Every structure is written in C-alpha cells, then in structure tokens.
Amino acid sequence: MSAGLKPGITNLVAGQSGAGKSTLTQILRKTNPGYSGLVRVAAEAPTAISPQHYVSHVD
C-alpha cells in the first residue's frame, strides 16, 4: 500500500478485505508497533514522535 495524505483535508482509505486498511489505522494510532515497512507522519516514524506533537498532526 502506498498513500500520500495531505494535511487539512479529509482523506479516504478504501480497499478490499485484507488490503491493510485496519492495519494502517492501527499504525497511525500507534497501537500496532510490530509492523514492517515505512510509515512517516510529518517526516518522522510514528513511534518517534512525542504524543503531544503526534496529536497535532493526526486528527
């Protein structure tokens, strides 16, 4: 899966069953620390961002 989400607009994640929608949501919510691959939020890995800074970028 590859996606570029832009700040300030509503983004839709759609796909077939098993495509990774729930996994992506878990990664962005920081509830799936065991993922493999590359995920960046504001140029940082979700696990490297402080909770306060992270919340300011993820709505």
Protein backbone atom coordinates (compact mmCIF):
# COMPACT_ATOMS: atom_id res chain seq x y z
CA MET A 1 0.00 0.00 0.00
CA SER A 2 1.23 3.48 -0.80
CA ALA A 3 -0.59 6.66 0.14
CA GLY A 4 0.11 10.34 0.38
CA LEU A 5 -2.26 12.02 2.81
CA LYS A 6 -2.44 15.79 2.79
CA PRO A 7 -2.98 17.87 5.91
CA GLY A 8 -6.11 19.94 6.27
CA ILE A 9 -8.34 17.77 4.09
CA THR A 10 -10.35 14.63 4.75
CA ASN A 11 -8.72 11.54 3.27
CA LEU A 12 -10.45 8.27 2.44
CA VAL A 13 -8.75 4.91 2.76
CA ALA A 14 -10.61 2.26 0.77
CA GLY A 15 -9.78 -1.22 -0.41
CA GLN A 16 -10.73 -4.85 -0.48
CA SER A 17 -10.82 -7.02 2.60
CA GLY A 18 -7.26 -7.77 3.68
CA ALA A 19 -5.75 -4.77 1.88
CA GLY A 20 -4.40 -3.25 5.11
CA LYS A 21 -6.90 -0.52 5.98
CA SER A 22 -7.25 -1.56 9.62
CA THR A 23 -3.52 -2.15 9.95
CA LEU A 24 -2.79 1.34 8.60
CA THR A 25 -5.24 2.82 11.10
CA GLN A 26 -3.59 0.87 13.93
CA ILE A 27 -0.15 2.10 12.88
CA LEU A 28 -1.32 5.71 12.74
CA ARG A 29 -2.99 5.32 16.15
CA LYS A 30 0.26 3.82 17.48
CA THR A 31 -1.48 0.59 18.54
CA ASN A 32 0.48 -1.71 16.19
CA PRO A 33 4.19 -1.25 16.97
CA GLY A 34 5.18 -4.56 15.32
CA TYR A 35 4.58 -3.54 11.70
CA SER A 36 7.19 -3.75 8.97
CA GLY A 37 7.59 -1.18 6.26
CA LEU A 38 7.96 2.58 6.12
CA VAL A 39 5.41 4.93 7.65
CA ARG A 40 6.07 8.63 8.13
CA VAL A 41 3.99 11.35 9.78
CA ALA A 42 5.44 14.83 9.34
CA ALA A 43 8.67 13.15 8.10
CA GLU A 44 9.00 11.07 11.31
CA ALA A 45 8.20 7.47 12.22
CA PRO A 46 5.01 7.40 14.33
CA THR A 47 6.89 5.71 17.18
CA ALA A 48 9.50 8.51 17.26
CA ILE A 49 7.02 11.36 17.72
CA SER A 50 6.02 12.57 21.18
CA PRO A 51 2.31 12.08 21.90
CA GLN A 52 1.71 15.84 22.05
CA HIS A 53 3.40 16.50 18.70
CA TYR A 54 1.76 13.45 17.13
CA VAL A 55 -1.76 14.53 18.10
CA SER A 56 -1.16 17.91 16.49
CA HIS A 57 -0.59 16.13 13.13
CA VAL A 58 -3.15 13.30 13.30
CA ASP A 59 -6.80 14.15 13.62
